[in-house]
Amino acid sequence: VVMLDEFHERRWDMDLLLALLRQAQSHKLIVTSATLNSQKLASYLDAPILESEGFIYPVEECFHASDPRTMPQKEQLDTRVFAACQYALEH
């Protein structure tokens, strides 16, 4: 099974992968998107449309880097990841 998520973003590599998988017919495909024209894609794939109600969760972005354009140092990465998880759980 191959799952293509956020298919509505329509990147060339995703379109190519879908075409190749469809041509090979060796995998089951799951194509998901919250905002896609599903009828057109379902017709192309000769597949049913399954709908699901979703949930909207609040999202908070926190940046702890002094310069967000640089990658973090790898030293003590596990400690910093743990601290970020603790912060997220407490707030």
PDB file of N, CA and C in Angstrom:
ATOM      1  N   VAL A   1       0.850  -1.181   0.000  1.00  0.00           N
ATOM      2  CA  VAL A   1       0.000   0.000   0.000  1.00  0.00           C
ATOM      3  C   VAL A   1       0.891   1.238   0.000  1.00  0.00           C
ATOM      4  N   VAL A   2       0.585   2.179  -0.880  1.00  0.00           N
ATOM      5  CA  VAL A   2       1.295   3.452  -0.939  1.00  0.00           C
ATOM      6  C   VAL A   2       0.281   4.556  -0.664  1.00  0.00           C
ATOM      7  N   MET A   3       0.613   5.421   0.291  1.00  0.00           N
ATOM      8  CA  MET A   3      -0.278   6.523   0.643  1.00  0.00           C
ATOM      9  C   MET A   3       0.350   7.842   0.213  1.00  0.00           C
ATOM     10  N   LEU A   4      -0.387   8.608  -0.567  1.00  0.00           N
ATOM     11  CA  LEU A   4       0.043   9.934  -1.002  1.00  0.00           C
ATOM     12  C   LEU A   4      -0.807  10.948  -0.246  1.00  0.00           C
ATOM     13  N   ASP A   5      -0.200  11.623   0.704  1.00  0.00           N
ATOM     14  CA  ASP A   5      -0.927  12.566   1.560  1.00  0.00           C
ATOM     15  C   ASP A   5      -0.735  13.990   1.048  1.00  0.00           C
ATOM     16  N   GLU A   6      -1.694  14.854   1.367  1.00  0.00           N
ATOM     17  CA  GLU A   6      -1.657  16.267   0.946  1.00  0.00           C
ATOM     18  C   GLU A   6      -1.513  16.373  -0.573  1.00  0.00           C
ATOM     19  N   PHE A   7      -2.264  15.538  -1.276  1.00  0.00           N
ATOM     20  CA  PHE A   7      -2.119  15.460  -2.726  1.00  0.00           C
ATOM     21  C   PHE A   7      -2.488  16.765  -3.430  1.00  0.00           C
ATOM     22  N   HIS A   8      -3.299  17.580  -2.809  1.00  0.00           N
ATOM     23  CA  HIS A   8      -3.713  18.846  -3.424  1.00  0.00           C
ATOM     24  C   HIS A   8      -2.540  19.803  -3.655  1.00  0.00           C
ATOM     25  N   GLU A   9      -1.414  19.564  -3.009  1.00  0.00           N
ATOM     26  CA  GLU A   9      -0.254  20.442  -3.191  1.00  0.00           C
ATOM     27  C   GLU A   9       0.339  20.325  -4.591  1.00  0.00           C
ATOM     28  N   ARG A  10       0.044  19.237  -5.294  1.00  0.00           N
ATOM     29  CA  ARG A  10       0.367  19.049  -6.704  1.00  0.00           C
ATOM     30  C   ARG A  10       1.816  19.334  -7.059  1.00  0.00           C
ATOM     31  N   ARG A  11       2.694  18.586  -6.476  1.00  0.00           N
ATOM     32  CA  ARG A  11       4.110  18.665  -6.835  1.00  0.00           C
ATOM     33  C   ARG A  11       4.375  17.707  -7.987  1.00  0.00           C
ATOM     34  N   TRP A  12       5.375  18.013  -8.811  1.00  0.00           N
ATOM     35  CA  TRP A  12       5.671  17.190  -9.982  1.00  0.00           C
ATOM     36  C   TRP A  12       6.052  15.769  -9.590  1.00  0.00           C
ATOM     37  N   ASP A  13       6.794  15.623  -8.478  1.00  0.00           N
ATOM     38  CA  ASP A  13       7.233  14.288  -8.085  1.00  0.00           C
ATOM     39  C   ASP A  13       6.065  13.432  -7.602  1.00  0.00           C
ATOM     40  N   MET A  14       5.091  14.063  -6.960  1.00  0.00           N
ATOM     41  CA  MET A  14       3.903  13.331  -6.509  1.00  0.00           C
ATOM     42  C   MET A  14       3.057  12.908  -7.716  1.00  0.00           C
ATOM     43  N   ASP A  15       2.907  13.800  -8.694  1.00  0.00           N
ATOM     44  CA  ASP A  15       2.158  13.460  -9.904  1.00  0.00           C
ATOM     45  C   ASP A  15       2.834  12.321 -10.665  1.00  0.00           C
ATOM     46  N   LEU A  16       4.164  12.383 -10.762  1.00  0.00           N
ATOM     47  CA  LEU A  16       4.909  11.330 -11.450  1.00  0.00           C
ATOM     48  C   LEU A  16       4.769  10.000 -10.717  1.00  0.00           C
ATOM     49  N   LEU A  17       4.898  10.027  -9.395  1.00  0.00           N
ATOM     50  CA  LEU A  17       4.755   8.802  -8.609  1.00  0.00           C
ATOM     51  C   LEU A  17       3.370   8.192  -8.802  1.00  0.00           C
ATOM     52  N   LEU A  18       2.339   9.025  -8.771  1.00  0.00           N
ATOM     53  CA  LEU A  18       0.977   8.523  -8.975  1.00  0.00           C
ATOM     54  C   LEU A  18       0.843   7.882 -10.352  1.00  0.00           C
ATOM     55  N   ALA A  19       1.364   8.537 -11.382  1.00  0.00           N
ATOM     56  CA  ALA A  19       1.271   7.990 -12.737  1.00  0.00           C
ATOM     57  C   ALA A  19       2.002   6.656 -12.851  1.00  0.00           C
ATOM     58  N   LEU A  20       3.200   6.566 -12.270  1.00  0.00           N
ATOM     59  CA  LEU A  20       3.972   5.324 -12.336  1.00  0.00           C
ATOM     60  C   LEU A  20       3.295   4.195 -11.561  1.00  0.00           C
ATOM     61  N   LEU A  21       2.770   4.506 -10.388  1.00  0.00           N
ATOM     62  CA  LEU A  21       2.087   3.480  -9.594  1.00  0.00           C
ATOM     63  C   LEU A  21       0.809   3.016 -10.280  1.00  0.00           C
ATOM     64  N   ARG A  22       0.116   3.954 -10.892  1.00  0.00           N
ATOM     65  CA  ARG A  22      -1.119   3.599 -11.603  1.00  0.00           C
ATOM     66  C   ARG A  22      -0.792   2.706 -12.797  1.00  0.00           C
ATOM     67  N   GLN A  23       0.274   3.023 -13.499  1.00  0.00           N
ATOM     68  CA  GLN A  23       0.671   2.234 -14.662  1.00  0.00           C
ATOM     69  C   GLN A  23       1.119   0.832 -14.247  1.00  0.00           C
ATOM     70  N   ALA A  24       1.889   0.736 -13.176  1.00  0.00           N
ATOM     71  CA  ALA A  24       2.404  -0.562 -12.724  1.00  0.00           C
ATOM     72  C   ALA A  24       1.305  -1.443 -12.143  1.00  0.00           C
ATOM     73  N   GLN A  25       0.321  -0.847 -11.537  1.00  0.00           N
ATOM     74  CA  GLN A  25      -0.787  -1.567 -10.897  1.00  0.00           C
ATOM     75  C   GLN A  25      -0.294  -2.658  -9.948  1.00  0.00           C
ATOM     76  N   SER A  26       0.803  -2.384  -9.259  1.00  0.00           N
ATOM     77  CA  SER A  26       1.361  -3.377  -8.339  1.00  0.00           C
ATOM     78  C   SER A  26       1.143  -3.006  -6.875  1.00  0.00           C
ATOM     79  N   HIS A  27       0.554  -1.839  -6.633  1.00  0.00           N
ATOM     80  CA  HIS A  27       0.323  -1.384  -5.265  1.00  0.00           C
ATOM     81  C   HIS A  27      -1.106  -0.880  -5.121  1.00  0.00           C
ATOM     82  N   LYS A  28      -1.622  -1.018  -3.927  1.00  0.00           N
ATOM     83  CA  LYS A  28      -2.879  -0.348  -3.608  1.00  0.00           C
ATOM     84  C   LYS A  28      -2.537   1.099  -3.270  1.00  0.00           C
ATOM     85  N   LEU A  29      -3.376   2.024  -3.707  1.00  0.00           N
ATOM     86  CA  LEU A  29      -3.105   3.442  -3.497  1.00  0.00           C
ATOM     87  C   LEU A  29      -4.127   4.064  -2.563  1.00  0.00           C
ATOM     88  N   ILE A  30      -3.645   4.925  -1.693  1.00  0.00           N
ATOM     89  CA  ILE A  30      -4.499   5.778  -0.871  1.00  0.00           C
ATOM     90  C   ILE A  30      -4.035   7.202  -1.137  1.00  0.00           C
ATOM     91  N   VAL A  31      -4.943   8.037  -1.628  1.00  0.00           N
ATOM     92  CA  VAL A  31      -4.623   9.431  -1.921  1.00  0.00           C
ATOM     93  C   VAL A  31      -5.480  10.285  -1.003  1.00  0.00           C
ATOM     94  N   THR A  32      -4.845  11.123  -0.188  1.00  0.00           N
ATOM     95  CA  THR A  32      -5.597  11.925   0.775  1.00  0.00           C
ATOM     96  C   THR A  32      -5.335  13.408   0.585  1.00  0.00           C
ATOM     97  N   SER A  33      -6.367  14.181   0.924  1.00  0.00           N
ATOM     98  CA  SER A  33      -6.280  15.631   0.861  1.00  0.00           C
ATOM     99  C   SER A  33      -7.509  16.209   1.536  1.00  0.00           C
ATOM    100  N   ALA A  34      -7.326  17.329   2.195  1.00  0.00           N
ATOM    101  CA  ALA A  34      -8.461  17.997   2.829  1.00  0.00           C
ATOM    102  C   ALA A  34      -9.183  18.918   1.854  1.00  0.00           C
ATOM    103  N   THR A  35      -8.528  19.319   0.775  1.00  0.00           N
ATOM    104  CA  THR A  35      -9.103  20.341  -0.100  1.00  0.00           C
ATOM    105  C   THR A  35      -9.096  19.958  -1.574  1.00  0.00           C
ATOM    106  N   LEU A  36      -9.008  18.712  -1.883  1.00  0.00           N
ATOM    107  CA  LEU A  36      -8.858  18.253  -3.261  1.00  0.00           C
ATOM    108  C   LEU A  36     -10.205  18.128  -3.971  1.00  0.00           C
ATOM    109  N   ASN A  37     -10.204  18.331  -5.294  1.00  0.00           N
ATOM    110  CA  ASN A  37     -11.369  18.012  -6.118  1.00  0.00           C
ATOM    111  C   ASN A  37     -11.414  16.487  -6.233  1.00  0.00           C
ATOM    112  N   SER A  38     -12.071  15.856  -5.300  1.00  0.00           N
ATOM    113  CA  SER A  38     -12.000  14.401  -5.177  1.00  0.00           C
ATOM    114  C   SER A  38     -12.682  13.663  -6.322  1.00  0.00           C
ATOM    115  N   GLN A  39     -13.739  14.215  -6.879  1.00  0.00           N
ATOM    116  CA  GLN A  39     -14.455  13.517  -7.944  1.00  0.00           C
ATOM    117  C   GLN A  39     -13.574  13.316  -9.174  1.00  0.00           C
ATOM    118  N   LYS A  40     -12.814  14.331  -9.525  1.00  0.00           N
ATOM    119  CA  LYS A  40     -11.936  14.247 -10.695  1.00  0.00           C
ATOM    120  C   LYS A  40     -10.850  13.186 -10.490  1.00  0.00           C
ATOM    121  N   LEU A  41     -10.239  13.165  -9.313  1.00  0.00           N
ATOM    122  CA  LEU A  41      -9.190  12.188  -9.030  1.00  0.00           C
ATOM    123  C   LEU A  41      -9.767  10.779  -8.921  1.00  0.00           C
ATOM    124  N   ALA A  42     -10.917  10.639  -8.296  1.00  0.00           N
ATOM    125  CA  ALA A  42     -11.552   9.325  -8.175  1.00  0.00           C
ATOM    126  C   ALA A  42     -11.878   8.758  -9.553  1.00  0.00           C
ATOM    127  N   SER A  43     -12.306   9.616 -10.453  1.00  0.00           N
ATOM    128  CA  SER A  43     -12.593   9.185 -11.814  1.00  0.00           C
ATOM    129  C   SER A  43     -11.310   8.730 -12.514  1.00  0.00           C
ATOM    130  N   TYR A  44     -10.223   9.491 -12.341  1.00  0.00           N
ATOM    131  CA  TYR A  44      -8.933   9.142 -12.947  1.00  0.00           C
ATOM    132  C   TYR A  44      -8.427   7.797 -12.433  1.00  0.00           C
ATOM    133  N   LEU A  45      -8.594   7.551 -11.141  1.00  0.00           N
ATOM    134  CA  LEU A  45      -8.095   6.317 -10.528  1.00  0.00           C
ATOM    135  C   LEU A  45      -9.109   5.180 -10.556  1.00  0.00           C
ATOM    136  N   ASP A  46     -10.322   5.482 -11.005  1.00  0.00           N
ATOM    137  CA  ASP A  46     -11.414   4.506 -10.960  1.00  0.00           C
ATOM    138  C   ASP A  46     -11.538   3.942  -9.543  1.00  0.00           C
ATOM    139  N   ALA A  47     -11.680   4.875  -8.595  1.00  0.00           N
ATOM    140  CA  ALA A  47     -11.676   4.506  -7.174  1.00  0.00           C
ATOM    141  C   ALA A  47     -12.832   5.196  -6.450  1.00  0.00           C
ATOM    142  N   PRO A  48     -13.269   4.613  -5.346  1.00  0.00           N
ATOM    143  CA  PRO A  48     -14.329   5.256  -4.561  1.00  0.00           C
ATOM    144  C   PRO A  48     -13.786   6.437  -3.759  1.00  0.00           C
ATOM    145  N   ILE A  49     -14.691   7.308  -3.371  1.00  0.00           N
ATOM    146  CA  ILE A  49     -14.349   8.438  -2.505  1.00  0.00           C
ATOM    147  C   ILE A  49     -14.795   8.096  -1.093  1.00  0.00           C
ATOM    148  N   LEU A  50     -13.880   8.183  -0.160  1.00  0.00           N
ATOM    149  CA  LEU A  50     -14.195   7.987   1.250  1.00  0.00           C
ATOM    150  C   LEU A  50     -14.016   9.325   1.946  1.00  0.00           C
ATOM    151  N   GLU A  51     -14.991   9.725   2.733  1.00  0.00           N
ATOM    152  CA  GLU A  51     -14.903  10.997   3.438  1.00  0.00           C
ATOM    153  C   GLU A  51     -14.848  10.757   4.935  1.00  0.00           C
ATOM    154  N   SER A  52     -14.146  11.628   5.609  1.00  0.00           N
ATOM    155  CA  SER A  52     -14.000  11.528   7.056  1.00  0.00           C
ATOM    156  C   SER A  52     -14.084  12.916   7.656  1.00  0.00           C
ATOM    157  N   GLU A  53     -14.780  13.031   8.755  1.00  0.00           N
ATOM    158  CA  GLU A  53     -14.826  14.299   9.473  1.00  0.00           C
ATOM    159  C   GLU A  53     -13.516  14.463  10.224  1.00  0.00           C
ATOM    160  N   GLY A  54     -12.969  15.635  10.164  1.00  0.00           N
ATOM    161  CA  GLY A  54     -11.702  15.887  10.832  1.00  0.00           C
ATOM    162  C   GLY A  54     -11.876  16.771  12.044  1.00  0.00           C
ATOM    163  N   PHE A  55     -10.806  16.991  12.726  1.00  0.00           N
ATOM    164  CA  PHE A  55     -10.780  17.848  13.901  1.00  0.00           C
ATOM    165  C   PHE A  55      -9.761  18.953  13.672  1.00  0.00           C
ATOM    166  N   ILE A  56     -10.031  20.095  14.222  1.00  0.00           N
ATOM    167  CA  ILE A  56      -9.083  21.197  14.169  1.00  0.00           C
ATOM    168  C   ILE A  56      -8.518  21.376  15.567  1.00  0.00           C
ATOM    169  N   TYR A  57      -7.219  21.248  15.662  1.00  0.00           N
ATOM    170  CA  TYR A  57      -6.550  21.400  16.944  1.00  0.00           C
ATOM    171  C   TYR A  57      -5.768  22.711  16.945  1.00  0.00           C
ATOM    172  N   PRO A  58      -5.714  23.382  18.086  1.00  0.00           N
ATOM    173  CA  PRO A  58      -4.928  24.611  18.139  1.00  0.00           C
ATOM    174  C   PRO A  58      -3.438  24.288  17.981  1.00  0.00           C
ATOM    175  N   VAL A  59      -2.757  25.135  17.256  1.00  0.00           N
ATOM    176  CA  VAL A  59      -1.327  24.943  17.008  1.00  0.00           C
ATOM    177  C   VAL A  59      -0.582  26.171  17.499  1.00  0.00           C
ATOM    178  N   GLU A  60       0.475  25.935  18.234  1.00  0.00           N
ATOM    179  CA  GLU A  60       1.320  27.024  18.710  1.00  0.00           C
ATOM    180  C   GLU A  60       2.736  26.761  18.221  1.00  0.00           C
ATOM    181  N   GLU A  61       3.313  27.746  17.570  1.00  0.00           N
ATOM    182  CA  GLU A  61       4.690  27.612  17.102  1.00  0.00           C
ATOM    183  C   GLU A  61       5.615  28.305  18.088  1.00  0.00           C
ATOM    184  N   CYS A  62       6.654  27.611  18.506  1.00  0.00           N
ATOM    185  CA  CYS A  62       7.637  28.170  19.438  1.00  0.00           C
ATOM    186  C   CYS A  62       9.022  28.004  18.829  1.00  0.00           C
ATOM    187  N   PHE A  63       9.735  29.096  18.714  1.00  0.00           N
ATOM    188  CA  PHE A  63      11.091  29.052  18.186  1.00  0.00           C
ATOM    189  C   PHE A  63      12.049  29.415  19.309  1.00  0.00           C
ATOM    190  N   HIS A  64      12.983  28.531  19.576  1.00  0.00           N
ATOM    191  CA  HIS A  64      13.927  28.755  20.663  1.00  0.00           C
ATOM    192  C   HIS A  64      15.331  29.054  20.153  1.00  0.00           C
ATOM    193  N   ALA A  65      15.514  29.056  18.849  1.00  0.00           N
ATOM    194  CA  ALA A  65      16.840  29.336  18.286  1.00  0.00           C
ATOM    195  C   ALA A  65      17.082  30.841  18.278  1.00  0.00           C
ATOM    196  N   SER A  66      18.316  31.229  18.457  1.00  0.00           N
ATOM    197  CA  SER A  66      18.642  32.656  18.406  1.00  0.00           C
ATOM    198  C   SER A  66      18.573  33.172  16.972  1.00  0.00           C
ATOM    199  N   ASP A  67      18.852  32.319  16.007  1.00  0.00           N
ATOM    200  CA  ASP A  67      18.747  32.694  14.599  1.00  0.00           C
ATOM    201  C   ASP A  67      17.989  31.579  13.879  1.00  0.00           C
ATOM    202  N   PRO A  68      16.710  31.792  13.510  1.00  0.00           N
ATOM    203  CA  PRO A  68      15.905  30.721  12.929  1.00  0.00           C
ATOM    204  C   PRO A  68      16.372  30.260  11.551  1.00  0.00           C
ATOM    205  N   ARG A  69      17.337  30.954  10.957  1.00  0.00           N
ATOM    206  CA  ARG A  69      17.833  30.558   9.634  1.00  0.00           C
ATOM    207  C   ARG A  69      18.945  29.527   9.714  1.00  0.00           C
ATOM    208  N   THR A  70      19.421  29.212  10.899  1.00  0.00           N
ATOM    209  CA  THR A  70      20.515  28.253  11.041  1.00  0.00           C
ATOM    210  C   THR A  70      20.004  26.951  11.636  1.00  0.00           C
ATOM    211  N   MET A  71      20.683  25.885  11.313  1.00  0.00           N
ATOM    212  CA  MET A  71      20.336  24.583  11.869  1.00  0.00           C
ATOM    213  C   MET A  71      20.857  24.495  13.295  1.00  0.00           C
ATOM    214  N   PRO A  72      20.146  23.775  14.158  1.00  0.00           N
ATOM    215  CA  PRO A  72      20.619  23.654  15.540  1.00  0.00           C
ATOM    216  C   PRO A  72      21.886  22.806  15.625  1.00  0.00           C
ATOM    217  N   GLN A  73      22.664  23.068  16.644  1.00  0.00           N
ATOM    218  CA  GLN A  73      23.864  22.273  16.906  1.00  0.00           C
ATOM    219  C   GLN A  73      23.434  20.877  17.339  1.00  0.00           C
ATOM    220  N   LYS A  74      24.229  19.881  17.003  1.00  0.00           N
ATOM    221  CA  LYS A  74      23.850  18.518  17.357  1.00  0.00           C
ATOM    222  C   LYS A  74      24.214  18.149  18.796  1.00  0.00           C
ATOM    223  N   GLU A  75      25.052  18.955  19.443  1.00  0.00           N
ATOM    224  CA  GLU A  75      25.429  18.652  20.816  1.00  0.00           C
ATOM    225  C   GLU A  75      24.197  18.742  21.719  1.00  0.00           C
ATOM    226  N   GLN A  76      24.025  17.748  22.537  1.00  0.00           N
ATOM    227  CA  GLN A  76      22.933  17.661  23.508  1.00  0.00           C
ATOM    228  C   GLN A  76      21.556  17.800  22.853  1.00  0.00           C
ATOM    229  N   LEU A  77      21.438  17.293  21.639  1.00  0.00           N
ATOM    230  CA  LEU A  77      20.166  17.368  20.925  1.00  0.00           C
ATOM    231  C   LEU A  77      19.068  16.635  21.687  1.00  0.00           C
ATOM    232  N   ASP A  78      19.397  15.467  22.240  1.00  0.00           N
ATOM    233  CA  ASP A  78      18.387  14.708  22.976  1.00  0.00           C
ATOM    234  C   ASP A  78      17.854  15.498  24.166  1.00  0.00           C
ATOM    235  N   THR A  79      18.717  16.230  24.852  1.00  0.00           N
ATOM    236  CA  THR A  79      18.286  17.043  25.995  1.00  0.00           C
ATOM    237  C   THR A  79      17.362  18.163  25.541  1.00  0.00           C
ATOM    238  N   ARG A  80      17.689  18.802  24.420  1.00  0.00           N
ATOM    239  CA  ARG A  80      16.864  19.903  23.927  1.00  0.00           C
ATOM    240  C   ARG A  80      15.520  19.410  23.407  1.00  0.00           C
ATOM    241  N   VAL A  81      15.506  18.243  22.759  1.00  0.00           N
ATOM    242  CA  VAL A  81      14.241  17.675  22.284  1.00  0.00           C
ATOM    243  C   VAL A  81      13.361  17.316  23.472  1.00  0.00           C
ATOM    244  N   PHE A  82      13.950  16.717  24.501  1.00  0.00           N
ATOM    245  CA  PHE A  82      13.193  16.376  25.704  1.00  0.00           C
ATOM    246  C   PHE A  82      12.615  17.635  26.347  1.00  0.00           C
ATOM    247  N   ALA A  83      13.410  18.695  26.432  1.00  0.00           N
ATOM    248  CA  ALA A  83      12.935  19.952  27.022  1.00  0.00           C
ATOM    249  C   ALA A  83      11.799  20.549  26.200  1.00  0.00           C
ATOM    250  N   ALA A  84      11.885  20.464  24.884  1.00  0.00           N
ATOM    251  CA  ALA A  84      10.814  20.987  24.024  1.00  0.00           C
ATOM    252  C   ALA A  84       9.532  20.186  24.207  1.00  0.00           C
ATOM    253  N   CYS A  85       9.661  18.875  24.352  1.00  0.00           N
ATOM    254  CA  CYS A  85       8.478  18.034  24.590  1.00  0.00           C
ATOM    255  C   CYS A  85       7.856  18.346  25.945  1.00  0.00           C
ATOM    256  N   GLN A  86       8.684  18.510  26.958  1.00  0.00           N
ATOM    257  CA  GLN A  86       8.185  18.874  28.287  1.00  0.00           C
ATOM    258  C   GLN A  86       7.436  20.200  28.233  1.00  0.00           C
ATOM    259  N   TYR A  87       8.007  21.183  27.543  1.00  0.00           N
ATOM    260  CA  TYR A  87       7.376  22.495  27.411  1.00  0.00           C
ATOM    261  C   TYR A  87       6.009  22.358  26.727  1.00  0.00           C
ATOM    262  N   ALA A  88       5.953  21.561  25.657  1.00  0.00           N
ATOM    263  CA  ALA A  88       4.697  21.387  24.924  1.00  0.00           C
ATOM    264  C   ALA A  88       3.630  20.724  25.787  1.00  0.00           C
ATOM    265  N   LEU A  89       4.035  19.761  26.604  1.00  0.00           N
ATOM    266  CA  LEU A  89       3.074  19.073  27.465  1.00  0.00           C
ATOM    267  C   LEU A  89       2.549  19.967  28.585  1.00  0.00           C
ATOM    268  N   GLU A  90       3.367  20.907  29.018  1.00  0.00           N
ATOM    269  CA  GLU A  90       2.977  21.778  30.129  1.00  0.00           C
ATOM    270  C   GLU A  90       2.189  22.999  29.679  1.00  0.00           C
ATOM    271  N   HIS A  91       2.207  23.318  28.403  1.00  0.00           N
ATOM    272  CA  HIS A  91       1.521  24.534  27.933  1.00  0.00           C
ATOM    273  C   HIS A  91       0.420  24.235  26.976  1.00  0.00           C
TER     274      HIS A  91
END
